[in-house]
N, C-alpha and C. Protein backbone atom coordinates (compact mmCIF):
# COMPACT_ATOMS: atom_id res chain seq x y z
N MET A 1 -20.43 -73.78 8.33
CA MET A 1 -20.61 -72.97 7.03
C MET A 1 -21.70 -73.57 6.45
N ALA A 2 -22.14 -74.86 6.51
CA ALA A 2 -23.19 -75.37 5.74
C ALA A 2 -24.68 -74.80 6.29
N ALA A 3 -24.62 -74.48 7.76
CA ALA A 3 -25.76 -74.01 8.27
C ALA A 3 -26.03 -72.53 7.69
N GLU A 4 -24.79 -71.82 7.61
CA GLU A 4 -24.92 -70.41 7.23
C GLU A 4 -25.44 -70.30 5.72
N ARG A 5 -25.02 -71.44 4.85
CA ARG A 5 -25.46 -71.37 3.54
C ARG A 5 -26.90 -71.54 3.51
N GLU A 6 -27.53 -72.33 4.47
CA GLU A 6 -28.99 -72.66 4.32
C GLU A 6 -29.80 -71.47 4.79
N GLN A 7 -29.00 -70.47 5.63
CA GLN A 7 -29.78 -69.28 6.05
C GLN A 7 -29.58 -68.12 5.01
N LEU A 8 -28.94 -68.27 4.05
CA LEU A 8 -28.78 -67.25 3.04
C LEU A 8 -30.20 -66.82 2.47
N ASP A 9 -30.43 -65.60 2.30
CA ASP A 9 -31.45 -64.89 1.45
C ASP A 9 -30.79 -64.31 0.37
N PHE A 10 -31.51 -63.55 -0.42
CA PHE A 10 -30.91 -62.89 -1.60
C PHE A 10 -29.76 -61.75 -1.09
N TRP A 11 -30.28 -60.98 0.07
CA TRP A 11 -29.42 -59.86 0.31
C TRP A 11 -28.15 -60.48 1.00
N SER A 12 -28.27 -61.39 1.95
CA SER A 12 -27.18 -62.05 2.60
C SER A 12 -26.31 -62.59 1.55
N PHE A 13 -26.71 -63.16 0.37
CA PHE A 13 -26.04 -63.81 -0.60
C PHE A 13 -24.99 -62.53 -1.21
N VAL A 14 -25.93 -61.64 -1.43
CA VAL A 14 -25.11 -60.33 -2.16
C VAL A 14 -24.05 -59.94 -1.46
N ASP A 15 -24.20 -59.81 -0.05
CA ASP A 15 -23.14 -59.45 0.92
C ASP A 15 -21.99 -60.54 1.02
N LEU A 16 -22.34 -61.76 0.91
CA LEU A 16 -21.40 -62.77 0.96
C LEU A 16 -20.64 -62.83 -0.41
N ALA A 17 -21.27 -62.65 -1.61
CA ALA A 17 -20.57 -62.36 -2.79
C ALA A 17 -19.54 -61.16 -2.98
N ARG A 18 -20.03 -60.21 -2.26
CA ARG A 18 -19.19 -59.07 -2.22
C ARG A 18 -17.90 -59.29 -1.48
N ARG A 19 -18.01 -59.93 -0.25
CA ARG A 19 -16.94 -60.15 0.60
C ARG A 19 -16.07 -61.22 -0.20
N ARG A 20 -16.52 -62.40 -0.48
CA ARG A 20 -15.72 -63.43 -1.20
C ARG A 20 -15.03 -63.00 -2.38
N LEU A 21 -15.86 -62.25 -3.26
CA LEU A 21 -15.22 -61.85 -4.69
C LEU A 21 -14.19 -60.86 -4.33
N GLY A 22 -14.28 -59.80 -3.44
CA GLY A 22 -13.21 -58.93 -3.06
C GLY A 22 -12.10 -59.46 -2.26
N ASP A 23 -12.44 -59.91 -1.11
CA ASP A 23 -11.31 -60.50 -0.16
C ASP A 23 -10.67 -61.77 -0.48
N GLU A 24 -11.46 -62.73 -1.02
CA GLU A 24 -10.82 -64.10 -1.26
C GLU A 24 -10.34 -64.06 -2.60
N PHE A 25 -11.05 -63.37 -3.72
CA PHE A 25 -10.73 -63.72 -5.01
C PHE A 25 -9.91 -62.41 -5.50
N GLY A 26 -9.98 -61.34 -4.80
CA GLY A 26 -9.32 -60.04 -5.23
C GLY A 26 -10.03 -59.30 -6.43
N PHE A 27 -11.22 -59.49 -6.78
CA PHE A 27 -12.06 -58.77 -7.81
C PHE A 27 -12.25 -57.39 -7.36
N PRO A 28 -12.02 -56.33 -8.20
CA PRO A 28 -12.01 -54.90 -7.68
C PRO A 28 -13.24 -54.18 -7.86
N HIS A 29 -14.16 -54.67 -8.34
CA HIS A 29 -15.52 -54.13 -8.67
C HIS A 29 -16.66 -54.53 -7.90
N PRO A 30 -16.62 -54.58 -6.46
CA PRO A 30 -17.87 -55.00 -5.76
C PRO A 30 -19.12 -54.37 -5.96
N LEU A 31 -19.00 -52.97 -5.98
CA LEU A 31 -20.26 -52.04 -6.17
C LEU A 31 -20.90 -52.57 -7.61
N ALA A 32 -20.12 -52.64 -8.65
CA ALA A 32 -20.81 -53.03 -10.01
C ALA A 32 -21.35 -54.45 -9.84
N THR A 33 -20.86 -55.29 -9.09
CA THR A 33 -21.54 -56.72 -9.02
C THR A 33 -22.78 -56.41 -8.37
N ARG A 34 -22.78 -55.67 -7.03
CA ARG A 34 -24.09 -55.45 -6.36
C ARG A 34 -25.07 -54.82 -7.24
N LEU A 35 -24.63 -53.82 -8.17
CA LEU A 35 -25.62 -53.11 -8.86
C LEU A 35 -26.21 -54.01 -9.86
N LEU A 36 -25.54 -54.81 -10.60
CA LEU A 36 -26.04 -55.66 -11.63
C LEU A 36 -26.93 -56.97 -11.05
N LEU A 37 -26.38 -57.46 -9.84
CA LEU A 37 -27.25 -58.45 -9.08
C LEU A 37 -28.59 -57.92 -8.78
N THR A 38 -28.53 -56.79 -8.20
CA THR A 38 -29.71 -56.03 -7.85
C THR A 38 -30.82 -55.75 -9.09
N LEU A 39 -30.11 -55.21 -9.95
CA LEU A 39 -30.81 -54.84 -11.29
C LEU A 39 -31.60 -56.12 -11.83
N ASN A 40 -30.62 -57.24 -11.84
CA ASN A 40 -31.22 -58.40 -12.52
C ASN A 40 -32.43 -59.12 -11.52
N ARG A 41 -32.16 -58.89 -10.17
CA ARG A 41 -33.19 -59.47 -9.34
C ARG A 41 -34.54 -58.69 -9.43
N ALA A 42 -34.31 -57.41 -9.48
CA ALA A 42 -35.56 -56.53 -9.63
C ALA A 42 -36.41 -56.84 -10.84
N SER A 43 -35.59 -56.94 -11.98
CA SER A 43 -36.23 -57.20 -13.21
C SER A 43 -36.88 -58.61 -13.19
N ALA A 44 -36.20 -59.63 -12.50
CA ALA A 44 -36.82 -60.96 -12.51
C ALA A 44 -38.07 -61.01 -11.63
N ILE A 45 -38.13 -60.29 -10.50
CA ILE A 45 -39.23 -60.10 -9.57
C ILE A 45 -40.26 -59.63 -10.17
N VAL A 46 -40.11 -58.41 -10.75
CA VAL A 46 -41.29 -57.65 -11.41
C VAL A 46 -41.90 -58.52 -12.74
N THR A 47 -41.01 -58.95 -13.45
CA THR A 47 -41.32 -59.85 -14.61
C THR A 47 -42.18 -61.05 -14.17
N TYR A 48 -41.76 -61.70 -13.11
CA TYR A 48 -42.49 -62.91 -12.81
C TYR A 48 -43.74 -62.65 -12.00
N ASP A 49 -43.74 -61.48 -11.38
CA ASP A 49 -45.04 -60.99 -10.72
C ASP A 49 -46.01 -60.69 -11.88
N LEU A 50 -45.74 -59.83 -12.83
CA LEU A 50 -46.59 -59.53 -13.90
C LEU A 50 -47.23 -60.76 -14.56
N GLU A 51 -46.07 -61.71 -15.01
CA GLU A 51 -46.60 -62.94 -15.70
C GLU A 51 -47.44 -63.72 -14.77
N SER A 52 -47.17 -63.99 -13.48
CA SER A 52 -47.96 -64.92 -12.83
C SER A 52 -49.19 -64.28 -12.33
N THR A 53 -49.49 -63.06 -12.15
CA THR A 53 -50.69 -62.38 -11.72
C THR A 53 -51.54 -61.91 -12.77
N VAL A 54 -50.94 -61.47 -13.99
CA VAL A 54 -51.83 -60.95 -14.98
C VAL A 54 -51.80 -61.80 -16.29
N HIS A 55 -50.71 -62.33 -16.74
CA HIS A 55 -50.58 -63.03 -18.08
C HIS A 55 -50.91 -64.37 -18.13
N ARG A 56 -50.35 -65.27 -17.14
CA ARG A 56 -50.62 -66.57 -17.00
C ARG A 56 -52.06 -67.08 -16.78
N PRO A 57 -52.82 -66.19 -15.89
CA PRO A 57 -54.14 -66.52 -15.68
C PRO A 57 -54.98 -66.27 -16.97
N ARG A 58 -54.40 -65.42 -18.01
CA ARG A 58 -55.10 -65.24 -19.02
C ARG A 58 -54.69 -66.13 -20.32
N GLY A 59 -53.84 -66.91 -19.98
CA GLY A 59 -53.26 -67.94 -20.83
C GLY A 59 -52.14 -67.62 -21.77
N HIS A 60 -51.40 -66.44 -21.38
CA HIS A 60 -50.14 -66.19 -22.14
C HIS A 60 -48.95 -66.06 -21.20
N SER A 61 -47.88 -66.37 -21.85
CA SER A 61 -46.64 -66.21 -21.10
C SER A 61 -46.27 -64.60 -21.35
N TRP A 62 -44.98 -64.34 -20.51
CA TRP A 62 -44.51 -63.19 -20.66
C TRP A 62 -43.98 -62.77 -22.09
N ALA A 63 -43.53 -63.71 -22.68
CA ALA A 63 -43.11 -63.72 -24.05
C ALA A 63 -44.11 -63.30 -25.08
N ALA A 64 -45.25 -64.07 -24.80
CA ALA A 64 -46.38 -63.88 -25.69
C ALA A 64 -47.03 -62.42 -25.50
N PHE A 65 -46.99 -62.01 -24.27
CA PHE A 65 -47.54 -60.57 -24.01
C PHE A 65 -46.77 -59.58 -24.74
N ARG A 66 -45.44 -59.80 -24.67
CA ARG A 66 -44.50 -58.83 -25.23
C ARG A 66 -44.72 -58.68 -26.80
N LEU A 67 -44.76 -59.85 -27.34
CA LEU A 67 -45.11 -59.89 -28.93
C LEU A 67 -46.37 -59.29 -28.92
N LEU A 68 -47.44 -59.63 -28.32
CA LEU A 68 -48.82 -59.01 -28.65
C LEU A 68 -48.73 -57.45 -28.60
N PHE A 69 -48.05 -57.03 -27.33
CA PHE A 69 -47.95 -55.65 -26.83
C PHE A 69 -47.28 -54.92 -28.05
N VAL A 70 -46.13 -55.26 -28.49
CA VAL A 70 -45.49 -54.47 -29.68
C VAL A 70 -46.27 -54.38 -30.95
N THR A 71 -46.90 -55.59 -31.19
CA THR A 71 -47.90 -55.76 -32.46
C THR A 71 -48.90 -54.92 -32.22
N TRP A 72 -49.66 -54.90 -31.23
CA TRP A 72 -50.78 -54.00 -30.83
C TRP A 72 -50.58 -52.55 -30.93
N LEU A 73 -49.41 -52.08 -30.48
CA LEU A 73 -49.10 -50.59 -30.56
C LEU A 73 -48.40 -50.16 -31.84
N ALA A 74 -47.55 -51.00 -32.26
CA ALA A 74 -46.70 -50.61 -33.51
C ALA A 74 -46.82 -51.29 -34.75
N GLY A 75 -47.83 -52.18 -34.76
CA GLY A 75 -48.04 -53.14 -36.01
C GLY A 75 -48.92 -52.57 -36.87
N PRO A 76 -49.01 -53.02 -38.09
CA PRO A 76 -48.46 -54.34 -38.44
C PRO A 76 -46.86 -54.30 -38.54
N LEU A 77 -46.35 -55.46 -38.17
CA LEU A 77 -44.95 -55.48 -38.21
C LEU A 77 -44.30 -56.87 -38.95
N GLU A 78 -43.15 -56.64 -39.53
CA GLU A 78 -42.45 -57.90 -39.97
C GLU A 78 -41.99 -58.58 -38.55
N PRO A 79 -41.85 -59.89 -38.69
CA PRO A 79 -41.59 -60.54 -37.54
C PRO A 79 -40.18 -60.19 -37.01
N GLY A 80 -39.16 -59.87 -37.83
CA GLY A 80 -37.84 -59.51 -37.32
C GLY A 80 -37.93 -58.05 -36.71
N ARG A 81 -38.74 -57.13 -37.05
CA ARG A 81 -39.05 -55.93 -36.36
C ARG A 81 -39.57 -56.11 -35.13
N ALA A 82 -40.72 -57.11 -35.08
CA ALA A 82 -41.32 -57.27 -33.94
C ALA A 82 -40.50 -57.92 -32.82
N ALA A 83 -39.59 -58.76 -33.29
CA ALA A 83 -38.60 -59.39 -32.44
C ALA A 83 -37.68 -58.31 -31.75
N ALA A 84 -37.17 -57.31 -32.69
CA ALA A 84 -36.29 -56.17 -32.05
C ALA A 84 -36.85 -55.43 -31.04
N LEU A 85 -38.18 -55.02 -31.30
CA LEU A 85 -38.81 -54.17 -30.34
C LEU A 85 -39.26 -54.93 -29.04
N ALA A 86 -39.52 -56.19 -29.25
CA ALA A 86 -39.86 -56.92 -28.08
C ALA A 86 -38.86 -57.41 -27.21
N GLY A 87 -37.50 -57.22 -27.92
CA GLY A 87 -36.21 -57.88 -27.13
C GLY A 87 -36.26 -59.35 -27.27
N MET A 88 -36.60 -59.96 -28.28
CA MET A 88 -36.74 -61.33 -28.44
C MET A 88 -35.89 -61.78 -29.68
N THR A 89 -35.55 -63.04 -29.82
CA THR A 89 -34.86 -63.56 -30.93
C THR A 89 -35.98 -63.81 -31.96
N ARG A 90 -35.53 -63.78 -33.27
CA ARG A 90 -36.47 -63.97 -34.33
C ARG A 90 -37.09 -65.53 -34.17
N ALA A 91 -36.26 -66.37 -33.66
CA ALA A 91 -36.77 -67.83 -33.47
C ALA A 91 -37.84 -67.84 -32.41
N ALA A 92 -37.65 -67.15 -31.51
CA ALA A 92 -38.61 -67.14 -30.47
C ALA A 92 -40.06 -66.43 -30.84
N VAL A 93 -39.82 -65.45 -31.76
CA VAL A 93 -41.05 -64.90 -32.33
C VAL A 93 -41.64 -65.77 -33.27
N SER A 94 -40.90 -66.45 -34.12
CA SER A 94 -41.54 -67.51 -35.10
C SER A 94 -42.32 -68.53 -34.32
N ASN A 95 -41.78 -69.08 -33.12
CA ASN A 95 -42.43 -70.03 -32.30
C ASN A 95 -43.58 -69.55 -31.79
N LEU A 96 -43.80 -68.41 -31.28
CA LEU A 96 -44.89 -67.79 -30.71
C LEU A 96 -45.97 -67.38 -31.69
N VAL A 97 -45.60 -66.98 -32.87
CA VAL A 97 -46.53 -66.71 -33.86
C VAL A 97 -47.49 -67.94 -34.12
N LYS A 98 -46.86 -68.98 -34.37
CA LYS A 98 -47.68 -70.11 -34.62
C LYS A 98 -48.70 -70.39 -33.60
N SER A 99 -48.56 -70.32 -32.24
CA SER A 99 -49.38 -70.60 -31.41
C SER A 99 -50.53 -69.32 -31.12
N LEU A 100 -49.91 -68.17 -31.40
CA LEU A 100 -50.93 -66.94 -31.28
C LEU A 100 -51.94 -66.98 -32.42
N VAL A 101 -51.22 -67.34 -33.60
CA VAL A 101 -52.18 -67.29 -34.83
C VAL A 101 -53.27 -68.50 -34.57
N ALA A 102 -52.82 -69.65 -34.01
CA ALA A 102 -53.69 -70.67 -33.72
C ALA A 102 -54.83 -70.28 -32.71
N GLU A 103 -54.52 -69.61 -31.85
CA GLU A 103 -55.48 -69.29 -30.93
C GLU A 103 -56.47 -67.86 -31.48
N GLY A 104 -55.99 -67.36 -32.43
CA GLY A 104 -56.91 -66.22 -33.00
C GLY A 104 -56.61 -64.96 -32.53
N THR A 105 -55.44 -64.67 -31.81
CA THR A 105 -55.18 -63.27 -31.52
C THR A 105 -54.24 -62.57 -32.47
N LEU A 106 -53.50 -63.34 -33.17
CA LEU A 106 -52.49 -62.71 -34.16
C LEU A 106 -52.90 -63.05 -35.44
N ALA A 107 -52.69 -62.30 -36.37
CA ALA A 107 -52.72 -62.66 -37.79
C ALA A 107 -51.38 -62.54 -38.54
N ARG A 108 -50.96 -63.45 -39.36
CA ARG A 108 -49.77 -63.57 -40.31
C ARG A 108 -50.14 -63.40 -41.61
N THR A 109 -50.01 -62.18 -42.29
CA THR A 109 -50.28 -62.08 -43.77
C THR A 109 -49.00 -61.93 -44.61
N PRO A 110 -49.19 -62.34 -45.72
CA PRO A 110 -48.01 -62.02 -46.64
C PRO A 110 -47.70 -60.39 -46.79
N GLY A 111 -46.31 -60.32 -46.60
CA GLY A 111 -45.81 -58.98 -46.78
C GLY A 111 -45.70 -58.47 -48.26
N GLY A 112 -45.53 -57.23 -48.51
CA GLY A 112 -45.52 -56.75 -49.73
C GLY A 112 -44.03 -56.69 -50.40
N ARG A 113 -43.05 -56.87 -49.56
CA ARG A 113 -41.65 -56.57 -49.81
C ARG A 113 -41.20 -57.84 -50.85
N ASP A 114 -41.55 -59.11 -50.64
CA ASP A 114 -41.22 -60.27 -51.46
C ASP A 114 -41.91 -61.54 -51.03
N GLY A 115 -41.87 -62.44 -51.58
CA GLY A 115 -42.76 -63.66 -51.41
C GLY A 115 -42.54 -64.30 -50.17
N ARG A 116 -41.44 -64.16 -49.53
CA ARG A 116 -41.04 -64.62 -48.15
C ARG A 116 -41.34 -63.75 -46.94
N SER A 117 -41.77 -62.47 -47.23
CA SER A 117 -42.00 -61.54 -46.09
C SER A 117 -43.32 -61.63 -45.57
N ALA A 118 -43.64 -61.39 -44.42
CA ALA A 118 -44.87 -61.43 -43.72
C ALA A 118 -45.01 -60.40 -42.76
N LEU A 119 -46.34 -60.06 -42.47
CA LEU A 119 -46.61 -58.97 -41.44
C LEU A 119 -47.53 -59.53 -40.37
N LEU A 120 -47.28 -59.15 -39.17
CA LEU A 120 -47.96 -59.54 -38.08
C LEU A 120 -48.93 -58.52 -37.59
N SER A 121 -50.08 -58.97 -37.29
CA SER A 121 -51.06 -57.81 -36.84
C SER A 121 -52.01 -58.43 -35.85
N LEU A 122 -52.74 -57.71 -35.01
CA LEU A 122 -53.64 -58.30 -34.04
C LEU A 122 -54.95 -58.60 -34.84
N THR A 123 -55.64 -59.49 -34.62
CA THR A 123 -57.04 -59.73 -35.02
C THR A 123 -57.87 -59.03 -34.02
N GLU A 124 -59.07 -58.96 -34.43
CA GLU A 124 -60.15 -58.21 -33.56
C GLU A 124 -60.15 -58.98 -32.18
N ASP A 125 -59.99 -60.06 -32.10
CA ASP A 125 -59.96 -60.74 -30.79
C ASP A 125 -58.74 -60.38 -30.00
N GLY A 126 -57.55 -60.32 -30.87
CA GLY A 126 -56.29 -60.04 -30.28
C GLY A 126 -56.54 -58.45 -29.61
N ARG A 127 -56.98 -57.49 -30.32
CA ARG A 127 -57.17 -56.22 -29.88
C ARG A 127 -58.08 -56.09 -28.49
N ARG A 128 -59.05 -56.86 -28.45
CA ARG A 128 -59.99 -57.07 -27.32
C ARG A 128 -59.27 -57.78 -26.21
N VAL A 129 -58.55 -58.77 -26.39
CA VAL A 129 -57.65 -59.34 -25.33
C VAL A 129 -56.64 -58.41 -24.89
N MET A 130 -55.81 -57.47 -25.70
CA MET A 130 -54.89 -56.72 -25.29
C MET A 130 -55.47 -55.63 -24.56
N LEU A 131 -56.60 -55.04 -24.90
CA LEU A 131 -57.27 -54.03 -24.13
C LEU A 131 -57.73 -54.46 -22.64
N GLU A 132 -58.11 -55.71 -22.61
CA GLU A 132 -58.30 -56.25 -21.23
C GLU A 132 -57.22 -56.51 -20.51
N THR A 133 -56.30 -57.06 -21.18
CA THR A 133 -55.02 -57.61 -20.57
C THR A 133 -54.24 -56.38 -19.95
N PHE A 134 -54.12 -55.36 -20.87
CA PHE A 134 -53.24 -54.27 -20.46
C PHE A 134 -53.92 -53.42 -19.21
N ALA A 135 -55.21 -53.45 -19.25
CA ALA A 135 -55.78 -52.79 -18.12
C ALA A 135 -55.27 -53.35 -16.77
N ALA A 136 -55.17 -54.64 -16.67
CA ALA A 136 -54.73 -55.42 -15.57
C ALA A 136 -53.33 -55.22 -15.27
N HIS A 137 -52.47 -55.33 -16.45
CA HIS A 137 -51.23 -55.11 -16.54
C HIS A 137 -50.66 -53.74 -15.91
N ASN A 138 -51.40 -52.71 -16.39
CA ASN A 138 -51.10 -51.32 -16.22
C ASN A 138 -51.43 -51.02 -14.74
N GLU A 139 -52.51 -51.53 -14.34
CA GLU A 139 -52.83 -51.50 -12.76
C GLU A 139 -51.83 -52.04 -11.93
N ARG A 140 -51.30 -53.31 -12.47
CA ARG A 140 -50.15 -54.09 -11.49
C ARG A 140 -48.85 -52.98 -11.71
N GLU A 141 -48.65 -52.45 -12.75
CA GLU A 141 -47.46 -51.60 -12.97
C GLU A 141 -47.56 -50.43 -12.03
N ARG A 142 -48.83 -49.89 -11.89
CA ARG A 142 -48.92 -48.68 -10.89
C ARG A 142 -48.76 -49.08 -9.59
N ARG A 143 -49.15 -50.29 -9.26
CA ARG A 143 -49.00 -50.78 -7.93
C ARG A 143 -47.43 -51.06 -7.64
N TRP A 144 -46.75 -51.36 -8.51
CA TRP A 144 -45.16 -51.41 -8.30
C TRP A 144 -44.69 -50.00 -8.34
N ALA A 145 -45.00 -49.23 -9.21
CA ALA A 145 -44.46 -47.86 -9.30
C ALA A 145 -44.93 -47.02 -7.88
N ASP A 146 -45.85 -47.35 -7.46
CA ASP A 146 -46.27 -46.58 -6.40
C ASP A 146 -45.42 -46.62 -5.10
N VAL A 147 -44.63 -47.73 -5.03
CA VAL A 147 -43.55 -47.81 -3.96
C VAL A 147 -42.68 -46.50 -3.99
N LEU A 148 -42.32 -45.98 -5.11
CA LEU A 148 -41.58 -44.76 -5.21
C LEU A 148 -42.45 -43.50 -5.55
N THR A 149 -41.93 -42.35 -5.06
CA THR A 149 -42.62 -41.21 -5.53
C THR A 149 -42.49 -40.66 -6.80
N ASP A 150 -43.06 -39.90 -7.41
CA ASP A 150 -43.08 -39.58 -8.87
C ASP A 150 -41.71 -39.11 -9.10
N ALA A 151 -41.07 -38.32 -8.10
CA ALA A 151 -39.70 -37.88 -8.55
C ALA A 151 -38.76 -38.84 -8.47
N GLU A 152 -38.87 -40.03 -7.42
CA GLU A 152 -38.02 -41.12 -7.72
C GLU A 152 -38.15 -41.84 -8.88
N GLN A 153 -39.34 -42.08 -9.30
CA GLN A 153 -39.74 -42.72 -10.49
C GLN A 153 -39.07 -42.24 -11.64
N HIS A 154 -39.01 -40.80 -11.84
CA HIS A 154 -38.27 -39.97 -12.86
C HIS A 154 -36.78 -40.27 -12.84
N ILE A 155 -36.26 -40.13 -11.50
CA ILE A 155 -34.81 -40.50 -11.21
C ILE A 155 -34.45 -41.83 -11.74
N LEU A 156 -35.14 -42.83 -11.31
CA LEU A 156 -35.04 -44.22 -11.74
C LEU A 156 -34.88 -44.39 -13.12
N ILE A 157 -35.89 -43.75 -13.84
CA ILE A 157 -35.91 -43.87 -15.31
C ILE A 157 -34.71 -43.17 -15.94
N MET A 158 -34.17 -42.17 -15.31
CA MET A 158 -33.07 -41.25 -15.87
C MET A 158 -31.82 -42.15 -15.65
N LEU A 159 -31.81 -42.83 -14.67
CA LEU A 159 -30.50 -43.61 -14.29
C LEU A 159 -30.38 -45.00 -15.17
N LEU A 160 -31.74 -45.32 -15.36
CA LEU A 160 -31.65 -46.64 -16.21
C LEU A 160 -31.44 -46.24 -17.62
N ASP A 161 -31.92 -45.09 -18.07
CA ASP A 161 -31.78 -44.61 -19.49
C ASP A 161 -30.17 -44.30 -19.60
N LYS A 162 -29.65 -43.87 -18.62
CA LYS A 162 -28.04 -43.65 -18.66
C LYS A 162 -27.40 -44.94 -18.72
N LEU A 163 -27.74 -45.84 -17.93
CA LEU A 163 -27.06 -47.17 -18.07
C LEU A 163 -27.16 -47.74 -19.34
N ILE A 164 -28.35 -47.82 -19.91
CA ILE A 164 -28.64 -48.29 -21.22
C ILE A 164 -27.67 -47.58 -22.33
N ALA A 165 -27.79 -46.24 -22.38
CA ALA A 165 -27.08 -45.43 -23.25
C ALA A 165 -25.43 -45.71 -23.04
N GLY A 166 -25.13 -46.00 -21.95
CA GLY A 166 -23.65 -46.26 -21.73
C GLY A 166 -23.09 -47.55 -22.33
N ARG A 167 -24.01 -48.36 -22.73
CA ARG A 167 -23.53 -49.65 -23.31
C ARG A 167 -22.75 -49.38 -24.50
N GLU A 168 -22.80 -48.31 -25.24
CA GLU A 168 -22.01 -48.03 -26.42
C GLU A 168 -20.46 -47.82 -26.11
N ALA A 169 -20.16 -47.45 -24.82
CA ALA A 169 -18.81 -47.23 -24.49
C ALA A 169 -17.91 -48.46 -24.42
N PHE A 170 -18.66 -49.67 -24.36
CA PHE A 170 -17.80 -50.82 -24.22
C PHE A 170 -18.53 -51.86 -25.10
N ASP A 171 -19.06 -51.72 -26.25
CA ASP A 171 -19.54 -52.69 -27.22
C ASP A 171 -20.45 -53.60 -26.63
N ALA A 172 -21.41 -53.28 -25.77
CA ALA A 172 -22.39 -54.28 -25.23
C ALA A 172 -23.02 -55.07 -26.18
N ARG A 173 -23.33 -56.26 -25.91
CA ARG A 173 -24.25 -57.17 -26.78
C ARG A 173 -25.74 -56.99 -26.49
N GLU A 174 -26.53 -56.98 -27.48
CA GLU A 174 -28.14 -56.89 -26.99
C GLU A 174 -28.76 -57.66 -28.23
N ARG A 175 -29.98 -58.23 -28.04
CA ARG A 175 -30.74 -58.62 -29.09
C ARG A 175 -31.31 -57.46 -29.95
N SER A 176 -31.32 -57.79 -31.28
CA SER A 176 -31.84 -56.64 -32.22
C SER A 176 -32.52 -57.34 -33.30
């Protein structure tokens, strides 16, 4: 068994999980487990690839890119709204804002609502960085997407939209 464990790759692990969870432990939903394991793995692989090939070489984390991206396209934004759009916590945004302001890509200015509110917006340097970064990011996205036909891309988007919309049926939690 020890030698077998050493030979496991992701897909053989998924098969092992299906067998053990169903046969040994009696869990009744092996297809759901396989679906979510595969979805999470695909997301992690694509995210890591984009971060390691596009963003880290330019000095940013995946989280920093997401914050700059939503601010670039939808800003100026209050930090809480930026967090919701980027799928991040407010605390994560607060920590990122400090470093992005210090590097000169993001500006944090007082908001008009009250004395505590703030607005995030890109600086001129930030806009230049995002144009350059997104050109490389979008090319890498294209390379990933080209594995599928246009029709397959539309079907996958439709299925993922359906999966996301279905969260309301069971009160799924999400960052907001």
